[in-house]
Amino acid sequence: MPKISVIISTWNSGKVLPQCLGSLAKQTFKDFEVIIIDNGSSDNSIEDLHKKWPAIEFQIRKLDKNTGFAAANNLGAQLATGEWLALLNSDAFPDPTWLENLLLAAEYEIKFSFFASRQLQAGAPHLLDGAGDAYHISGLAWRNYSGFPAAQFGLESVEVFSACGAAAFYSRQAFLQVGGFDESFFSYLEDVDLGFRLRLQGFRCLYVPKAVVHHIGSATLGVRSEFAYYHWQRNFIWSFIQNMPSGLLWKALPVHLMANIIYQLYYTFRGRGSILLKGKWDALRGLPSALRKRRAIQQSRKISDSELLHSLERGFLQPYLLGYHIRKINQATHMSN
C-alpha cells in the first residue's frame, strides 16, 4: 500500500488536469497513488490517463453527475489505501518536493494531524494565494496572506486554523474519524468546516511553507460566479451554527449577524444582493438539519471553549479590512522596488 493517496476531484478540467498530473509525475517522493473522482465531466478529460501517465499509479472513478467537491473527496478517501490523504485541486500545480515536505512535516511534527500548503497564484507567483486558513469569531473565513507579496509573507511554519482544500494533507484516520467533508455543503467552505470539526476533536493544523503549489483558483466555475457567492453565503452560516460551541455561540451571534448584514449591503450595491439572499434563505431552510448535526458535533467535542477561542481571529474589523491591508502592503512593496 502506498504511503500517500493523492485525491483529485475533477469536473470538465481538461485545460488544467494535464499540468496537474505532470507536476505529480515529477514528485521527488514516489510512494503515492492518485485517485481521480470525475464528477460527470463531458470533456473527456480523464480518457487514457493510464497511457498518458504510465509512471503514476491511478484509481479512477467516473460518476454520472456532479456530486460536488465534498462528496467526491469523501469517496476518494474511502477508496484510498494510504496512511495520508493529499487533496489536490486539478488547477493546483505542486512543486517537485511538495509531497516530500508535507510528509517530513507530518513525521516530525507529530502533534499535528493535518497540514496546509504554501499556495502561490499560478498567474502571478510573486503573490500568495494563501498560507493556511483563518477563522473569525463571526464565522467568516479567509486564506492567510492571500494577495500579499510572497517574498515577505508566509515564510514561517506556524499553526493555522485549517488547511485550504486545494492542497491539503490529512491523516486519513483523523479525516474518517470526523466523517470527512459535510456533503450538504457541495463546494466552498467545506474545507474550513472540516477543519473546525477536526479542531473540536483535538486535532491541530500546521502550515508548511516548503510545501509549495501554484494555484489558479475556481478554474472551472469562476471565482466571482453566482455559484460561488451562493454557496459561500449559505455554507458560512451552516458552519457557524453547527460547530461553534454554545458558550461561544451566543457571545459570537451578534457579530455573526452583523457580518451577514454588512456583506448583504456590500454586495447588494454591487448587483449581487439577490444571490446572497437566496443563500441565506436556503441556509435557514436547512437549519433543522444543521441543528441535528450540531448536537452530534457538540456532544463528541474534546476541547474547551478557551482552547478553541485561542485558535480564532477576534479583531472586530479584521475581516472587513483585508482588502485595505493587501492594497497598502502591495503599494509599499511597489514603491520600495
C-alpha atoms as a PDB file:
ATOM      1  CA  MET A   1       0.000   0.000   0.000  1.00  0.00           C
ATOM      2  CA  PRO A   2       1.306   3.490  -0.819  1.00  0.00           C
ATOM      3  CA  LYS A   3       2.189   5.914   1.955  1.00  0.00           C
ATOM      4  CA  ILE A   4       0.109   8.736   0.436  1.00  0.00           C
ATOM      5  CA  SER A   5      -3.122   8.809  -1.525  1.00  0.00           C
ATOM      6  CA  VAL A   6      -3.457  11.941  -3.669  1.00  0.00           C
ATOM      7  CA  ILE A   7      -7.142  12.697  -4.337  1.00  0.00           C
ATOM      8  CA  ILE A   8      -8.178  14.888  -7.260  1.00  0.00           C
ATOM      9  CA  SER A   9     -11.816  15.801  -7.834  1.00  0.00           C
ATOM     10  CA  THR A  10     -12.418  16.834 -11.455  1.00  0.00           C
ATOM     11  CA  TRP A  11     -15.243  18.373 -13.460  1.00  0.00           C
ATOM     12  CA  ASN A  12     -14.505  19.387 -17.057  1.00  0.00           C
ATOM     13  CA  SER A  13     -10.900  20.027 -16.070  1.00  0.00           C
ATOM     14  CA  GLY A  14      -9.287  19.188 -19.393  1.00  0.00           C
ATOM     15  CA  LYS A  15      -7.474  22.525 -19.642  1.00  0.00           C
ATOM     16  CA  VAL A  16      -5.654  22.167 -16.320  1.00  0.00           C
ATOM     17  CA  LEU A  17      -5.523  18.476 -15.397  1.00  0.00           C
ATOM     18  CA  PRO A  18      -2.518  17.622 -17.646  1.00  0.00           C
ATOM     19  CA  GLN A  19      -0.367  20.243 -15.912  1.00  0.00           C
ATOM     20  CA  CYS A  20      -1.516  18.998 -12.501  1.00  0.00           C
ATOM     21  CA  LEU A  21      -0.638  15.380 -13.335  1.00  0.00           C
ATOM     22  CA  GLY A  22       2.625  16.455 -14.934  1.00  0.00           C
ATOM     23  CA  SER A  23       3.582  18.106 -11.649  1.00  0.00           C
ATOM     24  CA  LEU A  24       2.722  14.940  -9.719  1.00  0.00           C
ATOM     25  CA  ALA A  25       4.819  12.831 -12.080  1.00  0.00           C
ATOM     26  CA  LYS A  26       7.850  14.958 -11.106  1.00  0.00           C
ATOM     27  CA  GLN A  27       7.484  14.486  -7.336  1.00  0.00           C
ATOM     28  CA  THR A  28      10.681  13.541  -5.520  1.00  0.00           C
ATOM     29  CA  PHE A  29       8.632  11.322  -3.176  1.00  0.00           C
ATOM     30  CA  LYS A  30       7.351   8.408  -5.255  1.00  0.00           C
ATOM     31  CA  ASP A  31       5.345   6.210  -2.857  1.00  0.00           C
ATOM     32  CA  PHE A  32       1.887   7.553  -3.688  1.00  0.00           C
ATOM     33  CA  GLU A  33      -1.228   6.700  -5.656  1.00  0.00           C
ATOM     34  CA  VAL A  34      -3.510   9.131  -7.475  1.00  0.00           C
ATOM     35  CA  ILE A  35      -7.260   8.745  -7.043  1.00  0.00           C
ATOM     36  CA  ILE A  36      -9.324  10.728  -9.550  1.00  0.00           C
ATOM     37  CA  ILE A  37     -13.031  11.180  -8.904  1.00  0.00           C
ATOM     38  CA  ASP A  38     -14.651  12.633 -12.011  1.00  0.00           C
ATOM     39  CA  ASN A  39     -17.907  14.458 -11.327  1.00  0.00           C
ATOM     40  CA  GLY A  40     -19.693  13.670 -14.578  1.00  0.00           C
ATOM     41  CA  SER A  41     -17.364  15.579 -16.932  1.00  0.00           C
ATOM     42  CA  SER A  42     -18.320  15.930 -20.589  1.00  0.00           C
ATOM     43  CA  ASP A  43     -14.886  16.954 -21.933  1.00  0.00           C
ATOM     44  CA  ASN A  44     -13.193  13.514 -21.957  1.00  0.00           C
ATOM     45  CA  SER A  45     -10.528  14.904 -19.627  1.00  0.00           C
ATOM     46  CA  ILE A  46      -9.909  11.557 -17.894  1.00  0.00           C
ATOM     47  CA  GLU A  47      -9.625   9.399 -21.010  1.00  0.00           C
ATOM     48  CA  ASP A  48      -6.485   7.239 -21.356  1.00  0.00           C
ATOM     49  CA  LEU A  49      -4.744   8.663 -18.278  1.00  0.00           C
ATOM     50  CA  HIS A  50      -3.041   5.307 -17.637  1.00  0.00           C
ATOM     51  CA  LYS A  51      -1.426   5.515 -21.090  1.00  0.00           C
ATOM     52  CA  LYS A  52      -0.526   9.193 -20.852  1.00  0.00           C
ATOM     53  CA  TRP A  53       0.999   8.916 -17.370  1.00  0.00           C
ATOM     54  CA  PRO A  54       2.354   5.336 -17.064  1.00  0.00           C
ATOM     55  CA  ALA A  55       4.574   6.240 -14.097  1.00  0.00           C
ATOM     56  CA  ILE A  56       1.552   7.186 -11.953  1.00  0.00           C
ATOM     57  CA  GLU A  57      -0.492   4.565 -10.101  1.00  0.00           C
ATOM     58  CA  PHE A  58      -4.120   5.536 -10.754  1.00  0.00           C
ATOM     59  CA  GLN A  59      -7.521   4.734  -9.341  1.00  0.00           C
ATOM     60  CA  ILE A  60     -10.191   6.412 -11.471  1.00  0.00           C
ATOM     61  CA  ARG A  61     -13.900   6.578 -10.678  1.00  0.00           C
ATOM     62  CA  LYS A  62     -16.239   8.311 -13.130  1.00  0.00           C
ATOM     63  CA  LEU A  63     -19.582   9.462 -11.684  1.00  0.00           C
ATOM     64  CA  ASP A  64     -22.768  10.038 -13.657  1.00  0.00           C
ATOM     65  CA  LYS A  65     -23.313  13.564 -12.333  1.00  0.00           C
ATOM     66  CA  ASN A  66     -21.610  16.368 -10.420  1.00  0.00           C
ATOM     67  CA  THR A  67     -21.873  15.375  -6.764  1.00  0.00           C
ATOM     68  CA  GLY A  68     -19.726  18.300  -5.580  1.00  0.00           C
ATOM     69  CA  PHE A  69     -16.209  18.709  -4.232  1.00  0.00           C
ATOM     70  CA  ALA A  70     -17.160  17.422  -0.769  1.00  0.00           C
ATOM     71  CA  ALA A  71     -18.789  14.146  -1.848  1.00  0.00           C
ATOM     72  CA  ALA A  72     -16.129  13.409  -4.473  1.00  0.00           C
ATOM     73  CA  ASN A  73     -13.279  13.757  -1.988  1.00  0.00           C
ATOM     74  CA  ASN A  74     -15.135  11.669   0.588  1.00  0.00           C
ATOM     75  CA  LEU A  75     -15.420   8.894  -1.989  1.00  0.00           C
ATOM     76  CA  GLY A  76     -11.724   9.281  -2.731  1.00  0.00           C
ATOM     77  CA  ALA A  77     -10.911   8.931   0.966  1.00  0.00           C
ATOM     78  CA  GLN A  78     -12.948   5.723   1.129  1.00  0.00           C
ATOM     79  CA  LEU A  79     -11.067   4.286  -1.850  1.00  0.00           C
ATOM     80  CA  ALA A  80      -7.673   5.424  -0.569  1.00  0.00           C
ATOM     81  CA  THR A  81      -5.164   2.947   0.819  1.00  0.00           C
ATOM     82  CA  GLY A  82      -2.538   5.445   2.000  1.00  0.00           C
ATOM     83  CA  GLU A  83      -1.900   6.491   5.580  1.00  0.00           C
ATOM     84  CA  TRP A  84      -2.085  10.126   4.463  1.00  0.00           C
ATOM     85  CA  LEU A  85      -4.543  11.893   2.181  1.00  0.00           C
ATOM     86  CA  ALA A  86      -3.207  14.667  -0.044  1.00  0.00           C
ATOM     87  CA  LEU A  87      -6.097  16.632  -1.546  1.00  0.00           C
ATOM     88  CA  LEU A  88      -5.186  18.497  -4.700  1.00  0.00           C
ATOM     89  CA  ASN A  89      -7.339  20.614  -6.985  1.00  0.00           C
ATOM     90  CA  SER A  90      -6.966  19.970 -10.699  1.00  0.00           C
ATOM     91  CA  ASP A  91      -5.921  23.631 -11.096  1.00  0.00           C
ATOM     92  CA  ALA A  92      -3.166  23.348  -8.464  1.00  0.00           C
ATOM     93  CA  PHE A  93       0.342  22.505  -9.663  1.00  0.00           C
ATOM     94  CA  PRO A  94       2.733  21.336  -6.926  1.00  0.00           C
ATOM     95  CA  ASP A  95       6.481  21.870  -6.879  1.00  0.00           C
ATOM     96  CA  PRO A  96       8.516  18.616  -7.093  1.00  0.00           C
ATOM     97  CA  THR A  97       9.140  18.496  -3.317  1.00  0.00           C
ATOM     98  CA  TRP A  98       5.504  19.147  -2.313  1.00  0.00           C
ATOM     99  CA  LEU A  99       4.692  15.637  -1.063  1.00  0.00           C
ATOM    100  CA  GLU A 100       8.170  15.112   0.372  1.00  0.00           C
ATOM    101  CA  ASN A 101       7.949  18.242   2.517  1.00  0.00           C
ATOM    102  CA  LEU A 102       4.398  17.534   3.681  1.00  0.00           C
ATOM    103  CA  LEU A 103       5.368  14.033   4.777  1.00  0.00           C
ATOM    104  CA  LEU A 104       8.502  15.288   6.529  1.00  0.00           C
ATOM    105  CA  ALA A 105       6.381  17.766   8.480  1.00  0.00           C
ATOM    106  CA  ALA A 106       3.837  15.076   9.360  1.00  0.00           C
ATOM    107  CA  GLU A 107       6.500  12.666  10.618  1.00  0.00           C
ATOM    108  CA  TYR A 108       8.447  15.307  12.546  1.00  0.00           C
ATOM    109  CA  GLU A 109       5.588  17.434  13.955  1.00  0.00           C
ATOM    110  CA  ILE A 110       3.598  14.569  15.436  1.00  0.00           C
ATOM    111  CA  LYS A 111       1.276  16.805  17.485  1.00  0.00           C
ATOM    112  CA  PHE A 112      -0.327  17.936  14.208  1.00  0.00           C
ATOM    113  CA  SER A 113      -2.722  15.815  12.176  1.00  0.00           C
ATOM    114  CA  PHE A 114      -3.415  17.983   9.122  1.00  0.00           C
ATOM    115  CA  PHE A 115      -1.283  20.365   7.139  1.00  0.00           C
ATOM    116  CA  ALA A 116      -1.651  23.401   4.873  1.00  0.00           C
ATOM    117  CA  SER A 117       0.458  24.131   1.801  1.00  0.00           C
ATOM    118  CA  ARG A 118       2.043  27.389   0.658  1.00  0.00           C
ATOM    119  CA  GLN A 119      -0.128  28.432  -2.284  1.00  0.00           C
ATOM    120  CA  LEU A 120       1.182  30.859  -4.887  1.00  0.00           C
ATOM    121  CA  GLN A 121      -1.005  32.475  -7.539  1.00  0.00           C
ATOM    122  CA  ALA A 122      -0.377  30.494 -10.714  1.00  0.00           C
ATOM    123  CA  GLY A 123      -0.528  33.563 -12.935  1.00  0.00           C
ATOM    124  CA  ALA A 124       1.408  35.800 -10.549  1.00  0.00           C
ATOM    125  CA  PRO A 125       3.799  33.681  -8.449  1.00  0.00           C
ATOM    126  CA  HIS A 126       5.173  36.763  -6.694  1.00  0.00           C
ATOM    127  CA  LEU A 127       1.834  36.891  -4.851  1.00  0.00           C
ATOM    128  CA  LEU A 128       0.478  34.415  -2.324  1.00  0.00           C
ATOM    129  CA  ASP A 129      -2.778  32.597  -2.919  1.00  0.00           C
ATOM    130  CA  GLY A 130      -2.843  31.505   0.714  1.00  0.00           C
ATOM    131  CA  ALA A 131      -0.893  30.213   3.691  1.00  0.00           C
ATOM    132  CA  GLY A 132      -3.461  28.157   5.551  1.00  0.00           C
ATOM    133  CA  ASP A 133      -6.931  29.281   6.586  1.00  0.00           C
ATOM    134  CA  ALA A 134      -8.045  31.679   9.308  1.00  0.00           C
ATOM    135  CA  TYR A 135     -11.443  31.585  11.035  1.00  0.00           C
ATOM    136  CA  HIS A 136     -13.054  34.609  12.654  1.00  0.00           C
ATOM    137  CA  ILE A 137     -15.354  34.572  15.665  1.00  0.00           C
ATOM    138  CA  SER A 138     -18.103  35.890  13.355  1.00  0.00           C
ATOM    139  CA  GLY A 139     -17.953  32.750  11.180  1.00  0.00           C
ATOM    140  CA  LEU A 140     -16.104  34.457   8.336  1.00  0.00           C
ATOM    141  CA  ALA A 141     -13.032  32.658   6.992  1.00  0.00           C
ATOM    142  CA  TRP A 142     -10.201  33.548   4.629  1.00  0.00           C
ATOM    143  CA  ARG A 143      -6.835  32.328   3.360  1.00  0.00           C
ATOM    144  CA  ASN A 144      -3.947  33.865   5.275  1.00  0.00           C
ATOM    145  CA  TYR A 145      -1.913  36.428   3.287  1.00  0.00           C
ATOM    146  CA  SER A 146      -3.898  35.886   0.085  1.00  0.00           C
ATOM    147  CA  GLY A 147      -2.750  38.615  -2.333  1.00  0.00           C
ATOM    148  CA  PHE A 148       0.316  39.538  -0.224  1.00  0.00           C
ATOM    149  CA  PRO A 149       3.885  39.561  -1.641  1.00  0.00           C
ATOM    150  CA  ALA A 150       5.262  36.016  -1.473  1.00  0.00           C
ATOM    151  CA  ALA A 151       8.807  37.241  -0.804  1.00  0.00           C
ATOM    152  CA  GLN A 152       7.762  38.794   2.509  1.00  0.00           C
ATOM    153  CA  PHE A 153       4.866  36.754   3.931  1.00  0.00           C
ATOM    154  CA  GLY A 154       4.046  33.157   4.741  1.00  0.00           C
ATOM    155  CA  LEU A 155       7.688  32.184   5.175  1.00  0.00           C
ATOM    156  CA  GLU A 156       7.466  30.547   8.613  1.00  0.00           C
ATOM    157  CA  SER A 157       5.875  27.293   9.697  1.00  0.00           C
ATOM    158  CA  VAL A 158       3.054  28.169  12.109  1.00  0.00           C
ATOM    159  CA  GLU A 159      -0.144  26.647  13.413  1.00  0.00           C
ATOM    160  CA  VAL A 160      -3.221  27.733  11.443  1.00  0.00           C
ATOM    161  CA  PHE A 161      -6.921  27.108  11.905  1.00  0.00           C
ATOM    162  CA  SER A 162      -7.334  24.801   8.910  1.00  0.00           C
ATOM    163  CA  ALA A 163      -5.974  23.815   5.502  1.00  0.00           C
ATOM    164  CA  CYS A 164      -7.276  25.035   2.157  1.00  0.00           C
ATOM    165  CA  GLY A 165      -8.698  22.010   0.332  1.00  0.00           C
ATOM    166  CA  ALA A 166      -6.930  22.983  -2.897  1.00  0.00           C
ATOM    167  CA  ALA A 167      -3.723  21.462  -1.496  1.00  0.00           C
ATOM    168  CA  ALA A 168      -4.322  19.919   1.925  1.00  0.00           C
ATOM    169  CA  PHE A 169      -2.728  16.992   3.754  1.00  0.00           C
ATOM    170  CA  TYR A 170      -4.708  14.942   6.288  1.00  0.00           C
ATOM    171  CA  SER A 171      -4.179  11.917   8.431  1.00  0.00           C
ATOM    172  CA  ARG A 172      -6.636   9.509   6.805  1.00  0.00           C
ATOM    173  CA  GLN A 173      -7.576   8.204  10.247  1.00  0.00           C
ATOM    174  CA  ALA A 174      -8.450  11.699  11.516  1.00  0.00           C
ATOM    175  CA  PHE A 175     -10.306  12.569   8.292  1.00  0.00           C
ATOM    176  CA  LEU A 176     -12.519   9.490   8.542  1.00  0.00           C
ATOM    177  CA  GLN A 177     -12.963   9.831  12.301  1.00  0.00           C
ATOM    178  CA  VAL A 178     -14.832  13.129  11.914  1.00  0.00           C
ATOM    179  CA  GLY A 179     -16.807  11.921   8.895  1.00  0.00           C
ATOM    180  CA  GLY A 180     -14.867  13.744   6.180  1.00  0.00           C
ATOM    181  CA  PHE A 181     -16.457  16.696   4.408  1.00  0.00           C
ATOM    182  CA  ASP A 182     -20.073  17.674   5.008  1.00  0.00           C
ATOM    183  CA  GLU A 183     -21.570  16.699   1.654  1.00  0.00           C
ATOM    184  CA  SER A 184     -24.514  19.095   2.032  1.00  0.00           C
ATOM    185  CA  PHE A 185     -22.014  21.943   1.528  1.00  0.00           C
ATOM    186  CA  PHE A 186     -21.341  20.683  -2.043  1.00  0.00           C
ATOM    187  CA  SER A 187     -18.493  23.198  -2.564  1.00  0.00           C
ATOM    188  CA  TYR A 188     -16.980  26.245  -0.805  1.00  0.00           C
ATOM    189  CA  LEU A 189     -16.010  26.412   2.886  1.00  0.00           C
ATOM    190  CA  GLU A 190     -16.329  22.630   3.197  1.00  0.00           C
ATOM    191  CA  ASP A 191     -12.598  22.570   3.992  1.00  0.00           C
ATOM    192  CA  VAL A 192     -12.979  25.178   6.757  1.00  0.00           C
ATOM    193  CA  ASP A 193     -15.945  23.260   8.177  1.00  0.00           C
ATOM    194  CA  LEU A 194     -13.898  20.053   8.188  1.00  0.00           C
ATOM    195  CA  GLY A 195     -11.035  21.891   9.880  1.00  0.00           C
ATOM    196  CA  PHE A 196     -13.436  23.174  12.552  1.00  0.00           C
ATOM    197  CA  ARG A 197     -14.686  19.654  13.328  1.00  0.00           C
ATOM    198  CA  LEU A 198     -11.129  18.314  13.420  1.00  0.00           C
ATOM    199  CA  ARG A 199     -10.187  21.050  15.893  1.00  0.00           C
ATOM    200  CA  LEU A 200     -13.164  20.248  18.108  1.00  0.00           C
ATOM    201  CA  GLN A 201     -11.791  16.688  18.301  1.00  0.00           C
ATOM    202  CA  GLY A 202      -8.392  17.991  19.397  1.00  0.00           C
ATOM    203  CA  PHE A 203      -6.598  17.704  16.034  1.00  0.00           C
ATOM    204  CA  ARG A 204      -4.345  20.600  15.002  1.00  0.00           C
ATOM    205  CA  CYS A 205      -3.187  22.058  11.682  1.00  0.00           C
ATOM    206  CA  LEU A 206       0.320  23.186  10.686  1.00  0.00           C
ATOM    207  CA  TYR A 207       1.220  25.442   7.766  1.00  0.00           C
ATOM    208  CA  VAL A 208       4.237  24.065   5.839  1.00  0.00           C
ATOM    209  CA  PRO A 209       5.931  26.848   3.831  1.00  0.00           C
ATOM    210  CA  LYS A 210       8.225  24.432   1.965  1.00  0.00           C
ATOM    211  CA  ALA A 211       5.214  22.558   0.518  1.00  0.00           C
ATOM    212  CA  VAL A 212       4.538  24.825  -2.472  1.00  0.00           C
ATOM    213  CA  VAL A 213       1.748  24.683  -5.052  1.00  0.00           C
ATOM    214  CA  HIS A 214       0.789  27.122  -7.794  1.00  0.00           C
ATOM    215  CA  HIS A 215      -2.982  27.574  -7.750  1.00  0.00           C
ATOM    216  CA  ILE A 216      -5.302  29.126 -10.332  1.00  0.00           C
ATOM    217  CA  GLY A 217      -8.470  29.003  -8.205  1.00  0.00           C
ATOM    218  CA  SER A 218     -12.023  28.298  -9.448  1.00  0.00           C
ATOM    219  CA  ALA A 219     -10.670  27.433 -12.900  1.00  0.00           C
ATOM    220  CA  THR A 220     -13.911  25.742 -13.991  1.00  0.00           C
ATOM    221  CA  LEU A 221     -16.604  27.666 -12.095  1.00  0.00           C
ATOM    222  CA  GLY A 222     -15.180  31.173 -11.799  1.00  0.00           C
ATOM    223  CA  VAL A 223     -14.115  32.855  -8.579  1.00  0.00           C
ATOM    224  CA  ARG A 224     -16.847  35.510  -8.881  1.00  0.00           C
ATOM    225  CA  SER A 225     -19.631  33.308 -10.217  1.00  0.00           C
ATOM    226  CA  GLU A 226     -23.124  33.283  -8.727  1.00  0.00           C
ATOM    227  CA  PHE A 227     -22.485  29.641  -7.838  1.00  0.00           C
ATOM    228  CA  ALA A 228     -19.542  30.730  -5.669  1.00  0.00           C
ATOM    229  CA  TYR A 229     -21.398  33.596  -3.971  1.00  0.00           C
ATOM    230  CA  TYR A 230     -24.423  31.429  -3.214  1.00  0.00           C
ATOM    231  CA  HIS A 231     -22.519  28.517  -1.670  1.00  0.00           C
ATOM    232  CA  TRP A 232     -20.141  30.778   0.235  1.00  0.00           C
ATOM    233  CA  GLN A 233     -23.049  32.638   1.854  1.00  0.00           C
ATOM    234  CA  ARG A 234     -25.091  29.548   2.691  1.00  0.00           C
ATOM    235  CA  ASN A 235     -22.203  27.453   3.971  1.00  0.00           C
ATOM    236  CA  PHE A 236     -20.690  30.182   6.130  1.00  0.00           C
ATOM    237  CA  ILE A 237     -23.953  30.232   8.139  1.00  0.00           C
ATOM    238  CA  TRP A 238     -24.222  26.446   8.408  1.00  0.00           C
ATOM    239  CA  SER A 239     -20.620  26.014   9.552  1.00  0.00           C
ATOM    240  CA  PHE A 240     -21.008  28.652  12.255  1.00  0.00           C
ATOM    241  CA  ILE A 241     -24.269  27.156  13.563  1.00  0.00           C
ATOM    242  CA  GLN A 242     -23.090  23.565  13.522  1.00  0.00           C
ATOM    243  CA  ASN A 243     -19.635  23.988  15.016  1.00  0.00           C
ATOM    244  CA  MET A 244     -19.487  26.953  17.388  1.00  0.00           C
ATOM    245  CA  PRO A 245     -19.838  25.671  20.984  1.00  0.00           C
ATOM    246  CA  SER A 246     -22.779  27.064  22.979  1.00  0.00           C
ATOM    247  CA  GLY A 247     -20.550  29.006  25.351  1.00  0.00           C
ATOM    248  CA  LEU A 248     -19.168  30.957  22.402  1.00  0.00           C
ATOM    249  CA  LEU A 249     -22.167  30.813  20.072  1.00  0.00           C
ATOM    250  CA  TRP A 250     -24.344  33.242  21.993  1.00  0.00           C
ATOM    251  CA  LYS A 251     -21.452  35.658  22.518  1.00  0.00           C
ATOM    252  CA  ALA A 252     -20.499  35.498  18.840  1.00  0.00           C
ATOM    253  CA  LEU A 253     -24.038  35.591  17.430  1.00  0.00           C
ATOM    254  CA  PRO A 254     -24.245  39.433  17.308  1.00  0.00           C
ATOM    255  CA  VAL A 255     -21.034  39.687  15.243  1.00  0.00           C
ATOM    256  CA  HIS A 256     -22.225  36.818  13.031  1.00  0.00           C
ATOM    257  CA  LEU A 257     -25.481  38.669  12.342  1.00  0.00           C
ATOM    258  CA  MET A 258     -23.533  41.880  11.740  1.00  0.00           C
ATOM    259  CA  ALA A 259     -21.323  40.085   9.189  1.00  0.00           C
ATOM    260  CA  ASN A 260     -24.444  38.902   7.360  1.00  0.00           C
ATOM    261  CA  ILE A 261     -25.847  42.432   7.225  1.00  0.00           C
ATOM    262  CA  ILE A 262     -22.577  44.065   6.155  1.00  0.00           C
ATOM    263  CA  TYR A 263     -21.956  41.644   3.309  1.00  0.00           C
ATOM    264  CA  GLN A 264     -25.588  41.757   2.205  1.00  0.00           C
ATOM    265  CA  LEU A 265     -25.439  45.555   1.910  1.00  0.00           C
ATOM    266  CA  TYR A 266     -21.998  45.498   0.278  1.00  0.00           C
ATOM    267  CA  TYR A 267     -22.956  43.030  -2.440  1.00  0.00           C
ATOM    268  CA  THR A 268     -26.422  44.495  -2.958  1.00  0.00           C
ATOM    269  CA  PHE A 269     -24.776  47.742  -4.084  1.00  0.00           C
ATOM    270  CA  ARG A 270     -22.663  45.631  -6.460  1.00  0.00           C
ATOM    271  CA  GLY A 271     -25.591  43.817  -8.018  1.00  0.00           C
ATOM    272  CA  ARG A 272     -25.193  40.526  -6.132  1.00  0.00           C
ATOM    273  CA  GLY A 273     -27.775  41.032  -3.405  1.00  0.00           C
ATOM    274  CA  SER A 274     -30.347  38.557  -4.716  1.00  0.00           C
ATOM    275  CA  ILE A 275     -27.938  35.603  -4.860  1.00  0.00           C
ATOM    276  CA  LEU A 276     -26.745  36.287  -1.292  1.00  0.00           C
ATOM    277  CA  LEU A 277     -30.364  36.446  -0.105  1.00  0.00           C
ATOM    278  CA  LYS A 278     -31.026  33.095  -1.770  1.00  0.00           C
ATOM    279  CA  GLY A 279     -28.035  31.653   0.058  1.00  0.00           C
ATOM    280  CA  LYS A 280     -29.326  32.996   3.387  1.00  0.00           C
ATOM    281  CA  TRP A 281     -32.837  31.706   2.726  1.00  0.00           C
ATOM    282  CA  ASP A 282     -31.592  28.212   1.892  1.00  0.00           C
ATOM    283  CA  ALA A 283     -29.358  28.289   4.986  1.00  0.00           C
ATOM    284  CA  LEU A 284     -32.472  28.957   7.096  1.00  0.00           C
ATOM    285  CA  ARG A 285     -34.408  26.235   5.297  1.00  0.00           C
ATOM    286  CA  GLY A 286     -31.602  23.810   6.142  1.00  0.00           C
ATOM    287  CA  LEU A 287     -31.464  24.877   9.792  1.00  0.00           C
ATOM    288  CA  PRO A 288     -33.254  21.764  11.199  1.00  0.00           C
ATOM    289  CA  SER A 289     -30.632  19.525   9.603  1.00  0.00           C
ATOM    290  CA  ALA A 290     -27.816  21.840  10.760  1.00  0.00           C
ATOM    291  CA  LEU A 291     -29.114  21.712  14.337  1.00  0.00           C
ATOM    292  CA  ARG A 292     -29.228  17.897  14.287  1.00  0.00           C
ATOM    293  CA  LYS A 293     -25.615  17.840  13.116  1.00  0.00           C
ATOM    294  CA  ARG A 294     -24.752  20.401  15.774  1.00  0.00           C
ATOM    295  CA  ARG A 295     -25.978  18.135  18.564  1.00  0.00           C
ATOM    296  CA  ALA A 296     -23.777  15.270  17.394  1.00  0.00           C
ATOM    297  CA  ILE A 297     -20.745  17.517  16.861  1.00  0.00           C
ATOM    298  CA  GLN A 298     -21.003  19.232  20.238  1.00  0.00           C
ATOM    299  CA  GLN A 299     -21.664  16.024  22.170  1.00  0.00           C
ATOM    300  CA  SER A 300     -18.413  14.499  20.894  1.00  0.00           C
ATOM    301  CA  ARG A 301     -16.095  17.531  21.092  1.00  0.00           C
ATOM    302  CA  LYS A 302     -12.933  17.147  23.162  1.00  0.00           C
ATOM    303  CA  ILE A 303     -11.554  20.673  23.597  1.00  0.00           C
ATOM    304  CA  SER A 304     -12.681  23.503  25.834  1.00  0.00           C
ATOM    305  CA  ASP A 305     -14.140  26.837  24.757  1.00  0.00           C
ATOM    306  CA  SER A 306     -10.934  28.604  25.760  1.00  0.00           C
ATOM    307  CA  GLU A 307      -8.795  26.227  23.673  1.00  0.00           C
ATOM    308  CA  LEU A 308     -10.958  26.886  20.642  1.00  0.00           C
ATOM    309  CA  LEU A 309     -11.059  30.628  21.251  1.00  0.00           C
ATOM    310  CA  HIS A 310      -7.262  30.709  21.197  1.00  0.00           C
ATOM    311  CA  SER A 311      -7.320  29.499  17.578  1.00  0.00           C
ATOM    312  CA  LEU A 312      -9.908  32.044  16.359  1.00  0.00           C
ATOM    313  CA  GLU A 313      -9.387  35.525  14.923  1.00  0.00           C
ATOM    314  CA  ARG A 314     -11.176  38.129  17.046  1.00  0.00           C
ATOM    315  CA  GLY A 315     -10.365  41.592  15.674  1.00  0.00           C
ATOM    316  CA  PHE A 316     -13.675  43.464  15.389  1.00  0.00           C
ATOM    317  CA  LEU A 317     -12.974  44.992  11.960  1.00  0.00           C
ATOM    318  CA  GLN A 318     -10.377  42.448  10.857  1.00  0.00           C
ATOM    319  CA  PRO A 319     -12.457  40.625   8.176  1.00  0.00           C
ATOM    320  CA  TYR A 320     -13.561  43.892   6.584  1.00  0.00           C
ATOM    321  CA  LEU A 321     -10.089  45.417   6.290  1.00  0.00           C
ATOM    322  CA  LEU A 322      -8.392  42.531   4.474  1.00  0.00           C
ATOM    323  CA  GLY A 323      -8.604  44.234   1.076  1.00  0.00           C
ATOM    324  CA  TYR A 324      -7.313  47.507   2.518  1.00  0.00           C
ATOM    325  CA  HIS A 325      -4.259  45.808   4.041  1.00  0.00           C
ATOM    326  CA  ILE A 326      -3.493  43.982   0.779  1.00  0.00           C
ATOM    327  CA  ARG A 327      -3.536  47.273  -1.138  1.00  0.00           C
ATOM    328  CA  LYS A 328      -1.345  49.045   1.435  1.00  0.00           C
ATOM    329  CA  ILE A 329       1.220  46.237   1.533  1.00  0.00           C
ATOM    330  CA  ASN A 330       1.457  45.979  -2.253  1.00  0.00           C
ATOM    331  CA  GLN A 331       1.719  49.776  -2.629  1.00  0.00           C
ATOM    332  CA  ALA A 332       4.572  49.852  -0.135  1.00  0.00           C
ATOM    333  CA  THR A 333       6.304  46.949  -1.910  1.00  0.00           C
ATOM    334  CA  HIS A 334       5.901  48.619  -5.311  1.00  0.00           C
ATOM    335  CA  MET A 335       7.353  51.902  -4.017  1.00  0.00           C
ATOM    336  CA  SER A 336      10.330  50.176  -2.396  1.00  0.00           C
ATOM    337  CA  ASN A 337      11.142  48.451  -5.682  1.00  0.00           C
END
